[in-house]
Amino acid sequence: MTNQARKIVIAIAIAFLLYAIYAKHYNIAVYIFGGIAYLVWSYFKEGTVYLATQAFHKQDYEKTKRLLAEIKNPDKLRKGRRNFYEFMMGNIALKEEKIEEAEYHFQLASRLPWRKDNEKGMVLINLANINLRKHDYERVQAYLDVTNKLKLTARQVSIIEKIQNEVNKHK
C-alpha cells in the first residue's frame, strides 16, 4: 500500500471510529483502532518496499525508485524489509552507474539477515562485481569465499565461476 493510500484509509477509518464511539459500539471501535494502529505501524516498518519489490521484478526501475523514495527513514524499516530496500537501491544505483552508492547499499544489505542463501548470494555477487570493476581483487576473492559457503542456484554458481576466472587472470 502506498503512503497516500494508507493516509486515505486511515482517514476513513478514523471517521468510522468516531461513529462507532458515538453509537457506543465500543467492541467495533477497538477493532477499528487496531486496524489504524496496524496501518501506522506498517507505514514505518513496512513502507512501500513490497510494492517496490513487485515493480523491481517487472524491471520497472522508475516505479521502483519512486516507491522507494516514499520511504523517508529506511532505518526504521524492519530487517525483513530493509534488506530488500538496500538491495533494490544498490541495483538502481548500479543501473545509474553510481558505483560507490551501489557498493554502500550492497554493503548494508550484506549485513542484514536473509531468509535464503541465494538471496544473500546475489548481494555478495554484486559486491564482488563492483570490486572487480575497481580492480580490488583481494576483496573480490573475500566475497567469493563467503559465497562459496552458501547454497546457491546454478546460475549464481556460473556467475561466480566467471568472476573467479577474471580474478585468476590478475593473480
C-alpha atoms as a PDB file:
ATOM      1  CA  MET A   1       0.000   0.000   0.000  1.00  0.00           C
ATOM      2  CA  THR A   2       1.404   3.401  -0.916  1.00  0.00           C
ATOM      3  CA  ASN A   3       1.761   6.069   1.739  1.00  0.00           C
ATOM      4  CA  GLN A   4      -1.002   8.124   0.120  1.00  0.00           C
ATOM      5  CA  ALA A   5      -3.375   5.143   0.154  1.00  0.00           C
ATOM      6  CA  ARG A   6      -2.515   4.480   3.818  1.00  0.00           C
ATOM      7  CA  LYS A   7      -3.390   8.060   4.715  1.00  0.00           C
ATOM      8  CA  ILE A   8      -6.738   7.840   2.913  1.00  0.00           C
ATOM      9  CA  VAL A   9      -7.624   4.535   4.578  1.00  0.00           C
ATOM     10  CA  ILE A  10      -6.624   5.909   7.994  1.00  0.00           C
ATOM     11  CA  ALA A  11      -8.805   8.990   7.454  1.00  0.00           C
ATOM     12  CA  ILE A  12     -11.795   6.810   6.538  1.00  0.00           C
ATOM     13  CA  ALA A  13     -11.099   4.506   9.492  1.00  0.00           C
ATOM     14  CA  ILE A  14     -10.989   7.470  11.862  1.00  0.00           C
ATOM     15  CA  ALA A  15     -14.413   8.533  10.607  1.00  0.00           C
ATOM     16  CA  PHE A  16     -15.738   5.007  11.280  1.00  0.00           C
ATOM     17  CA  LEU A  17     -14.003   5.002  14.670  1.00  0.00           C
ATOM     18  CA  LEU A  18     -15.688   8.248  15.661  1.00  0.00           C
ATOM     19  CA  TYR A  19     -19.064   6.925  14.550  1.00  0.00           C
ATOM     20  CA  ALA A  20     -18.532   3.652  16.441  1.00  0.00           C
ATOM     21  CA  ILE A  21     -17.715   5.598  19.602  1.00  0.00           C
ATOM     22  CA  TYR A  22     -20.702   7.914  19.062  1.00  0.00           C
ATOM     23  CA  ALA A  23     -23.011   4.912  18.553  1.00  0.00           C
ATOM     24  CA  LYS A  24     -21.452   3.226  21.622  1.00  0.00           C
ATOM     25  CA  HIS A  25     -20.216   0.204  19.654  1.00  0.00           C
ATOM     26  CA  TYR A  26     -17.039   0.003  21.683  1.00  0.00           C
ATOM     27  CA  ASN A  27     -16.135  -3.528  20.603  1.00  0.00           C
ATOM     28  CA  ILE A  28     -16.126  -2.423  16.943  1.00  0.00           C
ATOM     29  CA  ALA A  29     -14.232   0.741  17.880  1.00  0.00           C
ATOM     30  CA  VAL A  30     -11.449  -1.418  19.364  1.00  0.00           C
ATOM     31  CA  TYR A  31     -11.111  -3.356  16.105  1.00  0.00           C
ATOM     32  CA  ILE A  32     -11.053  -0.168  14.054  1.00  0.00           C
ATOM     33  CA  PHE A  33      -8.463   1.331  16.375  1.00  0.00           C
ATOM     34  CA  GLY A  34      -6.377  -1.838  15.986  1.00  0.00           C
ATOM     35  CA  GLY A  35      -6.584  -1.510  12.209  1.00  0.00           C
ATOM     36  CA  ILE A  36      -5.473   2.111  12.373  1.00  0.00           C
ATOM     37  CA  ALA A  37      -2.598   1.157  14.696  1.00  0.00           C
ATOM     38  CA  TYR A  38      -1.503  -1.539  12.222  1.00  0.00           C
ATOM     39  CA  LEU A  39      -1.579   0.914   9.314  1.00  0.00           C
ATOM     40  CA  VAL A  40       0.554   3.390  11.266  1.00  0.00           C
ATOM     41  CA  TRP A  41       2.959   0.615  12.268  1.00  0.00           C
ATOM     42  CA  SER A  42       3.207  -0.624   8.668  1.00  0.00           C
ATOM     43  CA  TYR A  43       3.896   2.930   7.475  1.00  0.00           C
ATOM     44  CA  PHE A  44       7.106   2.949   9.494  1.00  0.00           C
ATOM     45  CA  LYS A  45       8.098  -0.734   9.493  1.00  0.00           C
ATOM     46  CA  GLU A  46       6.960  -1.931   6.065  1.00  0.00           C
ATOM     47  CA  GLY A  47       6.908   1.206   3.942  1.00  0.00           C
ATOM     48  CA  THR A  48       6.378   0.696   0.238  1.00  0.00           C
ATOM     49  CA  VAL A  49       9.048  -1.999  -0.057  1.00  0.00           C
ATOM     50  CA  TYR A  50       6.612  -4.725  -1.076  1.00  0.00           C
ATOM     51  CA  LEU A  51       5.190  -2.665  -3.952  1.00  0.00           C
ATOM     52  CA  ALA A  52       8.724  -1.656  -4.972  1.00  0.00           C
ATOM     53  CA  THR A  53       9.743  -5.325  -4.992  1.00  0.00           C
ATOM     54  CA  GLN A  54       6.882  -6.142  -7.354  1.00  0.00           C
ATOM     55  CA  ALA A  55       7.899  -3.294  -9.687  1.00  0.00           C
ATOM     56  CA  PHE A  56      11.550  -4.391  -9.448  1.00  0.00           C
ATOM     57  CA  HIS A  57      10.665  -7.940 -10.543  1.00  0.00           C
ATOM     58  CA  LYS A  58       8.829  -6.459 -13.537  1.00  0.00           C
ATOM     59  CA  GLN A  59      12.006  -4.438 -14.263  1.00  0.00           C
ATOM     60  CA  ASP A  60      10.121  -1.165 -13.874  1.00  0.00           C
ATOM     61  CA  TYR A  61      13.044   0.649 -12.248  1.00  0.00           C
ATOM     62  CA  GLU A  62      11.497   4.114 -12.398  1.00  0.00           C
ATOM     63  CA  LYS A  63       8.456   2.959 -10.437  1.00  0.00           C
ATOM     64  CA  THR A  64      10.735   1.075  -8.035  1.00  0.00           C
ATOM     65  CA  LYS A  65      12.807   4.187  -7.449  1.00  0.00           C
ATOM     66  CA  ARG A  66       9.678   6.310  -6.915  1.00  0.00           C
ATOM     67  CA  LEU A  67       8.202   3.839  -4.427  1.00  0.00           C
ATOM     68  CA  LEU A  68      11.464   3.550  -2.502  1.00  0.00           C
ATOM     69  CA  ALA A  69      11.723   7.346  -2.400  1.00  0.00           C
ATOM     70  CA  GLU A  70       8.458   7.397  -0.414  1.00  0.00           C
ATOM     71  CA  ILE A  71      10.338   5.793   2.480  1.00  0.00           C
ATOM     72  CA  LYS A  72      11.625   8.768   4.448  1.00  0.00           C
ATOM     73  CA  ASN A  73      13.638   6.871   7.056  1.00  0.00           C
ATOM     74  CA  PRO A  74      14.797   3.414   5.932  1.00  0.00           C
ATOM     75  CA  ASP A  75      16.496   2.874   9.305  1.00  0.00           C
ATOM     76  CA  LYS A  76      13.050   2.353  10.832  1.00  0.00           C
ATOM     77  CA  LEU A  77      12.118  -0.454   8.436  1.00  0.00           C
ATOM     78  CA  ARG A  78      12.078  -3.909   9.952  1.00  0.00           C
ATOM     79  CA  LYS A  79      15.065  -6.067   8.998  1.00  0.00           C
ATOM     80  CA  GLY A  80      12.955  -8.272   6.729  1.00  0.00           C
ATOM     81  CA  ARG A  81      12.140  -5.236   4.593  1.00  0.00           C
ATOM     82  CA  ARG A  82      15.337  -3.238   4.994  1.00  0.00           C
ATOM     83  CA  ASN A  83      17.422  -5.902   3.279  1.00  0.00           C
ATOM     84  CA  PHE A  84      15.271  -5.734   0.137  1.00  0.00           C
ATOM     85  CA  TYR A  85      15.241  -1.932   0.297  1.00  0.00           C
ATOM     86  CA  GLU A  86      19.042  -1.812   0.311  1.00  0.00           C
ATOM     87  CA  PHE A  87      19.313  -4.483  -2.405  1.00  0.00           C
ATOM     88  CA  MET A  88      16.979  -2.605  -4.741  1.00  0.00           C
ATOM     89  CA  MET A  89      18.661   0.744  -4.010  1.00  0.00           C
ATOM     90  CA  GLY A  90      22.013  -0.867  -4.830  1.00  0.00           C
ATOM     91  CA  ASN A  91      20.715  -2.214  -8.129  1.00  0.00           C
ATOM     92  CA  ILE A  92      19.199   1.138  -9.067  1.00  0.00           C
ATOM     93  CA  ALA A  93      22.494   2.864  -8.277  1.00  0.00           C
ATOM     94  CA  LEU A  94      24.316   0.310 -10.459  1.00  0.00           C
ATOM     95  CA  LYS A  95      21.929   0.993 -13.346  1.00  0.00           C
ATOM     96  CA  GLU A  96      22.691   4.701 -12.951  1.00  0.00           C
ATOM     97  CA  GLU A  97      26.451   3.965 -12.877  1.00  0.00           C
ATOM     98  CA  LYS A  98      26.764   5.239  -9.292  1.00  0.00           C
ATOM     99  CA  ILE A  99      29.252   2.587  -8.245  1.00  0.00           C
ATOM    100  CA  GLU A 100      30.149   3.979  -4.804  1.00  0.00           C
ATOM    101  CA  GLU A 101      26.499   4.427  -3.854  1.00  0.00           C
ATOM    102  CA  ALA A 102      25.697   0.920  -5.085  1.00  0.00           C
ATOM    103  CA  GLU A 103      28.529  -0.547  -3.028  1.00  0.00           C
ATOM    104  CA  TYR A 104      27.266   1.306   0.055  1.00  0.00           C
ATOM    105  CA  HIS A 105      23.758  -0.134  -0.320  1.00  0.00           C
ATOM    106  CA  PHE A 106      25.009  -3.652  -1.053  1.00  0.00           C
ATOM    107  CA  GLN A 107      27.322  -3.467   1.986  1.00  0.00           C
ATOM    108  CA  LEU A 108      24.330  -2.609   4.170  1.00  0.00           C
ATOM    109  CA  ALA A 109      22.285  -5.393   2.580  1.00  0.00           C
ATOM    110  CA  SER A 110      25.065  -7.930   3.179  1.00  0.00           C
ATOM    111  CA  ARG A 111      24.968  -7.219   6.911  1.00  0.00           C
ATOM    112  CA  LEU A 112      21.220  -7.770   7.221  1.00  0.00           C
ATOM    113  CA  PRO A 113      19.578 -11.188   7.670  1.00  0.00           C
ATOM    114  CA  TRP A 114      18.288 -13.022   4.592  1.00  0.00           C
ATOM    115  CA  ARG A 115      15.924 -15.991   4.612  1.00  0.00           C
ATOM    116  CA  LYS A 116      17.566 -17.772   1.700  1.00  0.00           C
ATOM    117  CA  ASP A 117      21.237 -18.251   0.894  1.00  0.00           C
ATOM    118  CA  ASN A 118      20.704 -17.445  -2.787  1.00  0.00           C
ATOM    119  CA  GLU A 119      19.288 -14.015  -1.852  1.00  0.00           C
ATOM    120  CA  LYS A 120      22.364 -13.161   0.196  1.00  0.00           C
ATOM    121  CA  GLY A 121      24.435 -14.706  -2.589  1.00  0.00           C
ATOM    122  CA  MET A 122      23.114 -12.124  -5.069  1.00  0.00           C
ATOM    123  CA  VAL A 123      24.181  -9.308  -2.752  1.00  0.00           C
ATOM    124  CA  LEU A 124      27.679 -10.769  -2.411  1.00  0.00           C
ATOM    125  CA  ILE A 125      27.948 -11.405  -6.161  1.00  0.00           C
ATOM    126  CA  ASN A 126      27.087  -7.759  -6.792  1.00  0.00           C
ATOM    127  CA  LEU A 127      29.740  -6.669  -4.289  1.00  0.00           C
ATOM    128  CA  ALA A 128      32.271  -8.944  -5.983  1.00  0.00           C
ATOM    129  CA  ASN A 129      31.379  -7.461  -9.390  1.00  0.00           C
ATOM    130  CA  ILE A 130      31.722  -3.911  -8.096  1.00  0.00           C
ATOM    131  CA  ASN A 131      35.143  -4.648  -6.658  1.00  0.00           C
ATOM    132  CA  LEU A 132      36.118  -6.412  -9.869  1.00  0.00           C
ATOM    133  CA  ARG A 133      35.379  -3.150 -11.706  1.00  0.00           C
ATOM    134  CA  LYS A 134      37.562  -1.338  -9.178  1.00  0.00           C
ATOM    135  CA  HIS A 135      40.364  -3.903  -9.670  1.00  0.00           C
ATOM    136  CA  ASP A 136      40.352  -4.723  -5.938  1.00  0.00           C
ATOM    137  CA  TYR A 137      40.949  -8.434  -6.406  1.00  0.00           C
ATOM    138  CA  GLU A 138      41.561  -9.220  -2.729  1.00  0.00           C
ATOM    139  CA  ARG A 139      38.079  -8.002  -1.788  1.00  0.00           C
ATOM    140  CA  VAL A 140      36.598  -9.841  -4.773  1.00  0.00           C
ATOM    141  CA  GLN A 141      38.195 -13.051  -3.526  1.00  0.00           C
ATOM    142  CA  ALA A 142      36.916 -12.409   0.003  1.00  0.00           C
ATOM    143  CA  TYR A 143      33.348 -12.057  -1.296  1.00  0.00           C
ATOM    144  CA  LEU A 144      33.718 -15.162  -3.432  1.00  0.00           C
ATOM    145  CA  ASP A 145      34.977 -17.133  -0.430  1.00  0.00           C
ATOM    146  CA  VAL A 146      31.845 -16.181   1.509  1.00  0.00           C
ATOM    147  CA  THR A 147      29.537 -17.031  -1.408  1.00  0.00           C
ATOM    148  CA  ASN A 148      31.142 -20.446  -1.776  1.00  0.00           C
ATOM    149  CA  LYS A 149      29.824 -21.293   1.712  1.00  0.00           C
ATOM    150  CA  LEU A 150      26.235 -20.536   0.655  1.00  0.00           C
ATOM    151  CA  LYS A 151      23.699 -22.749  -1.093  1.00  0.00           C
ATOM    152  CA  LEU A 152      23.323 -21.042  -4.486  1.00  0.00           C
ATOM    153  CA  THR A 153      21.463 -21.570  -7.734  1.00  0.00           C
ATOM    154  CA  ALA A 154      23.213 -22.982 -10.789  1.00  0.00           C
ATOM    155  CA  ARG A 155      23.092 -19.559 -12.449  1.00  0.00           C
ATOM    156  CA  GLN A 156      24.770 -17.939  -9.463  1.00  0.00           C
ATOM    157  CA  VAL A 157      27.458 -20.622  -9.424  1.00  0.00           C
ATOM    158  CA  SER A 158      28.210 -19.955 -13.098  1.00  0.00           C
ATOM    159  CA  ILE A 159      28.474 -16.201 -12.413  1.00  0.00           C
ATOM    160  CA  ILE A 160      30.861 -16.885  -9.542  1.00  0.00           C
ATOM    161  CA  GLU A 161      32.974 -19.097 -11.798  1.00  0.00           C
ATOM    162  CA  LYS A 162      33.257 -16.288 -14.361  1.00  0.00           C
ATOM    163  CA  ILE A 163      34.277 -13.806 -11.670  1.00  0.00           C
ATOM    164  CA  GLN A 164      36.794 -16.318 -10.283  1.00  0.00           C
ATOM    165  CA  ASN A 165      38.294 -16.737 -13.764  1.00  0.00           C
ATOM    166  CA  GLU A 166      38.756 -12.948 -14.004  1.00  0.00           C
ATOM    167  CA  VAL A 167      40.428 -12.878 -10.585  1.00  0.00           C
ATOM    168  CA  ASN A 168      42.733 -15.751 -11.575  1.00  0.00           C
ATOM    169  CA  LYS A 169      43.856 -13.810 -14.685  1.00  0.00           C
ATOM    170  CA  HIS A 170      45.101 -10.990 -12.479  1.00  0.00           C
ATOM    171  CA  LYS A 171      46.932 -13.018  -9.838  1.00  0.00           C
END
